[in-house]
Amino acid sequence: MMAMFVQAFWFGSKLVRDGSISPGTVMAVFWAC
């Protein structure tokens, strides 16, 4: 579980750097999952 969410934050930060999604969207997806 912890590895899954660490992986999710890493991939989410990559999407934020690429400008694909906002940090708020990352947190929303994270909490929904």
All heavy atoms as atom14 arrays in JSON, in Angstrom:
{
  "sequence": "MMAMFVQAFWFGSKLVRDGSISPGTVMAVFWAC",
  "atom14_mask": [
    [1, 1, 1, 1, 1, 1, 1, 1, 0, 0, 0, 0, 0, 0],
    [1, 1, 1, 1, 1, 1, 1, 1, 0, 0, 0, 0, 0, 0],
    [1, 1, 1, 1, 1, 0, 0, 0, 0, 0, 0, 0, 0, 0],
    [1, 1, 1, 1, 1, 1, 1, 1, 0, 0, 0, 0, 0, 0],
    [1, 1, 1, 1, 1, 1, 1, 1, 1, 1, 1, 0, 0, 0],
    [1, 1, 1, 1, 1, 1, 1, 0, 0, 0, 0, 0, 0, 0],
    [1, 1, 1, 1, 1, 1, 1, 1, 1, 0, 0, 0, 0, 0],
    [1, 1, 1, 1, 1, 0, 0, 0, 0, 0, 0, 0, 0, 0],
    [1, 1, 1, 1, 1, 1, 1, 1, 1, 1, 1, 0, 0, 0],
    [1, 1, 1, 1, 1, 1, 1, 1, 1, 1, 1, 1, 1, 1],
    [1, 1, 1, 1, 1, 1, 1, 1, 1, 1, 1, 0, 0, 0],
    [1, 1, 1, 1, 0, 0, 0, 0, 0, 0, 0, 0, 0, 0],
    [1, 1, 1, 1, 1, 1, 0, 0, 0, 0, 0, 0, 0, 0],
    [1, 1, 1, 1, 1, 1, 1, 1, 1, 0, 0, 0, 0, 0],
    [1, 1, 1, 1, 1, 1, 1, 1, 0, 0, 0, 0, 0, 0],
    [1, 1, 1, 1, 1, 1, 1, 0, 0, 0, 0, 0, 0, 0],
    [1, 1, 1, 1, 1, 1, 1, 1, 1, 1, 1, 0, 0, 0],
    [1, 1, 1, 1, 1, 1, 1, 1, 0, 0, 0, 0, 0, 0],
    [1, 1, 1, 1, 0, 0, 0, 0, 0, 0, 0, 0, 0, 0],
    [1, 1, 1, 1, 1, 1, 0, 0, 0, 0, 0, 0, 0, 0],
    [1, 1, 1, 1, 1, 1, 1, 1, 0, 0, 0, 0, 0, 0],
    [1, 1, 1, 1, 1, 1, 0, 0, 0, 0, 0, 0, 0, 0],
    [1, 1, 1, 1, 1, 1, 1, 0, 0, 0, 0, 0, 0, 0],
    [1, 1, 1, 1, 0, 0, 0, 0, 0, 0, 0, 0, 0, 0],
    [1, 1, 1, 1, 1, 1, 1, 0, 0, 0, 0, 0, 0, 0],
    [1, 1, 1, 1, 1, 1, 1, 0, 0, 0, 0, 0, 0, 0],
    [1, 1, 1, 1, 1, 1, 1, 1, 0, 0, 0, 0, 0, 0],
    [1, 1, 1, 1, 1, 0, 0, 0, 0, 0, 0, 0, 0, 0],
    [1, 1, 1, 1, 1, 1, 1, 0, 0, 0, 0, 0, 0, 0],
    [1, 1, 1, 1, 1, 1, 1, 1, 1, 1, 1, 0, 0, 0],
    [1, 1, 1, 1, 1, 1, 1, 1, 1, 1, 1, 1, 1, 1],
    [1, 1, 1, 1, 1, 0, 0, 0, 0, 0, 0, 0, 0, 0],
    [1, 1, 1, 1, 1, 1, 0, 0, 0, 0, 0, 0, 0, 0]
  ],
  "atom14_positions": [
    [[0.84, -1.21, 0.0], [0.0, 0.0, 0.0], [0.87, 1.25, 0.0], [0.65, 2.2, -0.77], [-0.92, -0.01, 1.22], [-2.09, -0.97, 1.13], [-3.42, -0.33, 0.1], [-4.01, 1.01, 1.11], [0.0, 0.0, 0.0], [0.0, 0.0, 0.0], [0.0, 0.0, 0.0], [0.0, 0.0, 0.0], [0.0, 0.0, 0.0], [0.0, 0.0, 0.0]],
    [[1.89, 1.29, 0.88], [2.75, 2.45, 0.94], [3.54, 2.63, -0.37], [3.69, 3.75, -0.88], [3.73, 2.31, 2.11], [3.07, 2.35, 3.48], [2.15, 3.9, 3.79], [0.45, 3.36, 3.52], [0.0, 0.0, 0.0], [0.0, 0.0, 0.0], [0.0, 0.0, 0.0], [0.0, 0.0, 0.0], [0.0, 0.0, 0.0], [0.0, 0.0, 0.0]],
    [[4.03, 1.49, -0.91], [4.76, 1.56, -2.17], [3.86, 2.08, -3.29], [4.29, 2.85, -4.16], [5.32, 0.19, -2.53], [0.0, 0.0, 0.0], [0.0, 0.0, 0.0], [0.0, 0.0, 0.0], [0.0, 0.0, 0.0], [0.0, 0.0, 0.0], [0.0, 0.0, 0.0], [0.0, 0.0, 0.0], [0.0, 0.0, 0.0], [0.0, 0.0, 0.0]],
    [[2.6, 1.67, -3.25], [1.66, 2.11, -4.28], [1.48, 3.63, -4.23], [1.51, 4.3, -5.27], [0.32, 1.4, -4.07], [-0.79, 1.81, -5.04], [-2.32, 0.92, -4.72], [-2.8, 1.62, -3.15], [0.0, 0.0, 0.0], [0.0, 0.0, 0.0], [0.0, 0.0, 0.0], [0.0, 0.0, 0.0], [0.0, 0.0, 0.0], [0.0, 0.0, 0.0]],
    [[1.34, 4.18, -3.06], [1.1, 5.62, -2.97], [2.39, 6.43, -3.19], [2.33, 7.56, -3.7], [0.47, 5.95, -1.62], [-0.97, 5.52, -1.54], [-1.35, 4.52, -0.66], [-1.93, 6.09, -2.35], [-2.66, 4.11, -0.6], [-3.25, 5.7, -2.28], [-3.62, 4.69, -1.41], [0.0, 0.0, 0.0], [0.0, 0.0, 0.0], [0.0, 0.0, 0.0]],
    [[3.54, 5.86, -2.82], [4.8, 6.54, -3.16], [4.94, 6.62, -4.67], [5.32, 7.67, -5.23], [5.99, 5.79, -2.53], [7.31, 6.3, -3.1], [5.98, 5.94, -1.02], [0.0, 0.0, 0.0], [0.0, 0.0, 0.0], [0.0, 0.0, 0.0], [0.0, 0.0, 0.0], [0.0, 0.0, 0.0], [0.0, 0.0, 0.0], [0.0, 0.0, 0.0]],
    [[4.63, 5.51, -5.33], [4.67, 5.48, -6.79], [3.67, 6.48, -7.38], [3.96, 7.17, -8.37], [4.35, 4.07, -7.27], [4.25, 3.92, -8.78], [3.87, 2.51, -9.17], [4.75, 1.68, -9.39], [2.59, 2.24, -9.26], [0.0, 0.0, 0.0], [0.0, 0.0, 0.0], [0.0, 0.0, 0.0], [0.0, 0.0, 0.0], [0.0, 0.0, 0.0]],
    [[2.49, 6.59, -6.74], [1.48, 7.52, -7.24], [1.94, 8.97, -7.11], [1.74, 9.78, -8.03], [0.18, 7.31, -6.46], [0.0, 0.0, 0.0], [0.0, 0.0, 0.0], [0.0, 0.0, 0.0], [0.0, 0.0, 0.0], [0.0, 0.0, 0.0], [0.0, 0.0, 0.0], [0.0, 0.0, 0.0], [0.0, 0.0, 0.0], [0.0, 0.0, 0.0]],
    [[2.59, 9.31, -5.99], [3.07, 10.68, -5.82], [4.19, 10.99, -6.82], [4.29, 12.11, -7.35], [3.55, 10.9, -4.39], [2.45, 11.29, -3.45], [2.08, 10.48, -2.39], [1.76, 12.49, -3.64], [1.07, 10.84, -1.54], [0.74, 12.85, -2.78], [0.39, 12.02, -1.73], [0.0, 0.0, 0.0], [0.0, 0.0, 0.0], [0.0, 0.0, 0.0]],
    [[5.04, 9.99, -7.06], [6.12, 10.22, -8.04], [5.55, 10.48, -9.43], [5.93, 11.43, -10.1], [7.04, 9.0, -8.07], [8.03, 9.06, -9.2], [9.21, 9.75, -9.23], [7.88, 8.43, -10.47], [9.82, 9.59, -10.44], [9.03, 8.78, -11.23], [6.92, 7.61, -11.06], [9.23, 8.34, -12.54], [7.11, 7.17, -12.34], [8.24, 7.53, -13.08]],
    [[4.58, 9.62, -9.83], [4.01, 9.81, -11.16], [3.18, 11.09, -11.22], [3.15, 11.8, -12.23], [3.15, 8.59, -11.51], [2.62, 8.61, -12.91], [3.46, 8.35, -13.99], [1.29, 8.9, -13.18], [2.99, 8.37, -15.3], [0.81, 8.93, -14.48], [1.66, 8.65, -15.54], [0.0, 0.0, 0.0], [0.0, 0.0, 0.0], [0.0, 0.0, 0.0]],
    [[2.5, 11.42, -10.12], [1.71, 12.66, -10.07], [2.58, 13.89, -10.19], [2.22, 14.86, -10.9], [0.0, 0.0, 0.0], [0.0, 0.0, 0.0], [0.0, 0.0, 0.0], [0.0, 0.0, 0.0], [0.0, 0.0, 0.0], [0.0, 0.0, 0.0], [0.0, 0.0, 0.0], [0.0, 0.0, 0.0], [0.0, 0.0, 0.0], [0.0, 0.0, 0.0]],
    [[3.74, 13.88, -9.5], [4.65, 15.03, -9.6], [5.19, 15.18, -11.01], [5.39, 16.3, -11.5], [5.79, 14.87, -8.59], [6.56, 13.72, -8.91], [0.0, 0.0, 0.0], [0.0, 0.0, 0.0], [0.0, 0.0, 0.0], [0.0, 0.0, 0.0], [0.0, 0.0, 0.0], [0.0, 0.0, 0.0], [0.0, 0.0, 0.0], [0.0, 0.0, 0.0]],
    [[5.41, 14.05, -11.68], [5.88, 14.1, -13.07], [4.82, 14.73, -13.97], [5.14, 15.56, -14.85], [6.19, 12.68, -13.54], [6.71, 12.6, -14.98], [7.05, 11.17, -15.33], [7.55, 11.09, -16.78], [6.57, 11.57, -17.75], [0.0, 0.0, 0.0], [0.0, 0.0, 0.0], [0.0, 0.0, 0.0], [0.0, 0.0, 0.0], [0.0, 0.0, 0.0]],
    [[3.54, 14.34, -13.73], [2.46, 14.94, -14.53], [2.33, 16.43, -14.26], [2.03, 17.22, -15.17], [1.13, 14.23, -14.24], [1.02, 12.76, -14.7], [-0.32, 12.18, -14.28], [1.2, 12.66, -16.21], [0.0, 0.0, 0.0], [0.0, 0.0, 0.0], [0.0, 0.0, 0.0], [0.0, 0.0, 0.0], [0.0, 0.0, 0.0], [0.0, 0.0, 0.0]],
    [[2.56, 16.84, -13.01], [2.48, 18.27, -12.67], [3.61, 19.04, -13.36], [3.4, 20.14, -13.89], [2.54, 18.47, -11.14], [2.66, 19.95, -10.79], [1.28, 17.89, -10.49], [0.0, 0.0, 0.0], [0.0, 0.0, 0.0], [0.0, 0.0, 0.0], [0.0, 0.0, 0.0], [0.0, 0.0, 0.0], [0.0, 0.0, 0.0], [0.0, 0.0, 0.0]],
    [[4.83, 18.46, -13.37], [5.95, 19.13, -14.04], [5.7, 19.26, -15.54], [6.08, 20.25, -16.16], [7.25, 18.35, -13.8], [7.81, 18.48, -12.4], [9.26, 18.02, -12.34], [9.43, 16.67, -12.9], [9.37, 15.57, -12.17], [9.11, 15.65, -10.86], [9.55, 14.39, -12.75], [0.0, 0.0, 0.0], [0.0, 0.0, 0.0], [0.0, 0.0, 0.0]],
    [[5.05, 18.25, -16.1], [4.74, 18.3, -17.53], [3.57, 19.21, -17.85], [3.27, 19.48, -19.02], [4.43, 16.9, -18.06], [5.65, 15.97, -17.99], [6.78, 16.51, -17.87], [5.47, 14.74, -18.02], [0.0, 0.0, 0.0], [0.0, 0.0, 0.0], [0.0, 0.0, 0.0], [0.0, 0.0, 0.0], [0.0, 0.0, 0.0], [0.0, 0.0, 0.0]],
    [[2.88, 19.7, -16.8], [1.74, 20.57, -17.0], [0.48, 19.85, -17.42], [-0.48, 20.49, -17.88], [0.0, 0.0, 0.0], [0.0, 0.0, 0.0], [0.0, 0.0, 0.0], [0.0, 0.0, 0.0], [0.0, 0.0, 0.0], [0.0, 0.0, 0.0], [0.0, 0.0, 0.0], [0.0, 0.0, 0.0], [0.0, 0.0, 0.0], [0.0, 0.0, 0.0]],
    [[0.46, 18.52, -17.27], [-0.74, 17.76, -17.68], [-1.9, 17.96, -16.72], [-3.06, 18.07, -17.14], [-0.4, 16.26, -17.78], [0.63, 16.04, -18.72], [0.0, 0.0, 0.0], [0.0, 0.0, 0.0], [0.0, 0.0, 0.0], [0.0, 0.0, 0.0], [0.0, 0.0, 0.0], [0.0, 0.0, 0.0], [0.0, 0.0, 0.0], [0.0, 0.0, 0.0]],
    [[-1.6, 17.98, -15.42], [-2.64, 18.17, -14.39], [-2.11, 19.1, -13.33], [-0.9, 19.38, -13.27], [-3.08, 16.83, -13.76], [-1.87, 16.13, -13.13], [-3.79, 15.93, -14.77], [-2.26, 14.86, -12.39], [0.0, 0.0, 0.0], [0.0, 0.0, 0.0], [0.0, 0.0, 0.0], [0.0, 0.0, 0.0], [0.0, 0.0, 0.0], [0.0, 0.0, 0.0]],
    [[-3.0, 19.57, -12.47], [-2.63, 20.47, -11.38], [-2.37, 19.68, -10.11], [-2.81, 18.53, -9.97], [-3.75, 21.48, -11.14], [-4.92, 20.8, -10.69], [0.0, 0.0, 0.0], [0.0, 0.0, 0.0], [0.0, 0.0, 0.0], [0.0, 0.0, 0.0], [0.0, 0.0, 0.0], [0.0, 0.0, 0.0], [0.0, 0.0, 0.0], [0.0, 0.0, 0.0]],
    [[-1.65, 20.27, -9.14], [-1.42, 19.57, -7.87], [-2.73, 19.21, -7.16], [-2.82, 18.16, -6.5], [-0.6, 20.58, -7.06], [0.08, 21.41, -8.1], [-0.88, 21.52, -9.23], [0.0, 0.0, 0.0], [0.0, 0.0, 0.0], [0.0, 0.0, 0.0], [0.0, 0.0, 0.0], [0.0, 0.0, 0.0], [0.0, 0.0, 0.0], [0.0, 0.0, 0.0]],
    [[-3.73, 20.07, -7.28], [-5.02, 19.76, -6.65], [-5.65, 18.51, -7.23], [-6.26, 17.7, -6.5], [0.0, 0.0, 0.0], [0.0, 0.0, 0.0], [0.0, 0.0, 0.0], [0.0, 0.0, 0.0], [0.0, 0.0, 0.0], [0.0, 0.0, 0.0], [0.0, 0.0, 0.0], [0.0, 0.0, 0.0], [0.0, 0.0, 0.0], [0.0, 0.0, 0.0]],
    [[-5.5, 18.32, -8.56], [-6.05, 17.11, -9.18], [-5.33, 15.86, -8.67], [-5.96, 14.81, -8.44], [-5.93, 17.2, -10.7], [-6.61, 18.37, -11.16], [-6.51, 15.97, -11.37], [0.0, 0.0, 0.0], [0.0, 0.0, 0.0], [0.0, 0.0, 0.0], [0.0, 0.0, 0.0], [0.0, 0.0, 0.0], [0.0, 0.0, 0.0], [0.0, 0.0, 0.0]],
    [[-4.01, 15.98, -8.49], [-3.25, 14.84, -7.96], [-3.77, 14.44, -6.59], [-3.98, 13.25, -6.31], [-1.75, 15.19, -7.9], [-0.97, 14.07, -7.18], [-1.19, 15.4, -9.29], [0.0, 0.0, 0.0], [0.0, 0.0, 0.0], [0.0, 0.0, 0.0], [0.0, 0.0, 0.0], [0.0, 0.0, 0.0], [0.0, 0.0, 0.0], [0.0, 0.0, 0.0]],
    [[-3.97, 15.43, -5.71], [-4.47, 15.13, -4.36], [-5.89, 14.57, -4.41], [-6.24, 13.66, -3.64], [-4.44, 16.4, -3.52], [-3.03, 16.91, -3.23], [-1.99, 15.65, -2.44], [-2.89, 15.36, -0.92], [0.0, 0.0, 0.0], [0.0, 0.0, 0.0], [0.0, 0.0, 0.0], [0.0, 0.0, 0.0], [0.0, 0.0, 0.0], [0.0, 0.0, 0.0]],
    [[-6.72, 15.11, -5.34], [-8.09, 14.6, -5.44], [-8.09, 13.13, -5.87], [-8.81, 12.29, -5.3], [-8.89, 15.45, -6.44], [0.0, 0.0, 0.0], [0.0, 0.0, 0.0], [0.0, 0.0, 0.0], [0.0, 0.0, 0.0], [0.0, 0.0, 0.0], [0.0, 0.0, 0.0], [0.0, 0.0, 0.0], [0.0, 0.0, 0.0], [0.0, 0.0, 0.0]],
    [[-7.28, 12.79, -6.87], [-7.2, 11.4, -7.33], [-6.63, 10.51, -6.23], [-7.11, 9.38, -5.99], [-6.35, 11.31, -8.61], [-6.11, 9.86, -9.0], [-7.02, 12.06, -9.75], [0.0, 0.0, 0.0], [0.0, 0.0, 0.0], [0.0, 0.0, 0.0], [0.0, 0.0, 0.0], [0.0, 0.0, 0.0], [0.0, 0.0, 0.0], [0.0, 0.0, 0.0]],
    [[-5.59, 11.03, -5.54], [-4.96, 10.26, -4.47], [-5.99, 9.9, -3.39], [-6.12, 8.73, -2.99], [-3.81, 11.06, -3.88], [-3.22, 10.44, -2.64], [-2.3, 9.42, -2.74], [-3.59, 10.89, -1.38], [-1.76, 8.84, -1.6], [-3.06, 10.32, -0.24], [-2.14, 9.3, -0.35], [0.0, 0.0, 0.0], [0.0, 0.0, 0.0], [0.0, 0.0, 0.0]],
    [[-6.72, 10.89, -2.89], [-7.69, 10.63, -1.82], [-8.87, 9.79, -2.3], [-9.4, 8.96, -1.54], [-8.18, 11.95, -1.24], [-7.19, 12.59, -0.32], [-6.45, 13.71, -0.55], [-6.82, 12.1, 0.97], [-5.61, 13.97, 0.52], [-5.83, 12.99, 1.48], [-7.18, 11.01, 1.74], [-5.23, 12.82, 2.7], [-6.59, 10.84, 2.98], [-5.62, 11.74, 3.45]],
    [[-9.28, 9.97, -3.54], [-10.37, 9.15, -4.07], [-9.95, 7.68, -4.11], [-10.72, 6.78, -3.71], [-10.77, 9.63, -5.45], [0.0, 0.0, 0.0], [0.0, 0.0, 0.0], [0.0, 0.0, 0.0], [0.0, 0.0, 0.0], [0.0, 0.0, 0.0], [0.0, 0.0, 0.0], [0.0, 0.0, 0.0], [0.0, 0.0, 0.0], [0.0, 0.0, 0.0]],
    [[-8.74, 7.4, -4.57], [-8.26, 6.02, -4.62], [-8.04, 5.46, -3.22], [-8.28, 4.27, -2.95], [-6.96, 5.95, -5.42], [-7.18, 6.26, -7.18], [0.0, 0.0, 0.0], [0.0, 0.0, 0.0], [0.0, 0.0, 0.0], [0.0, 0.0, 0.0], [0.0, 0.0, 0.0], [0.0, 0.0, 0.0], [0.0, 0.0, 0.0], [0.0, 0.0, 0.0]]
  ]
}
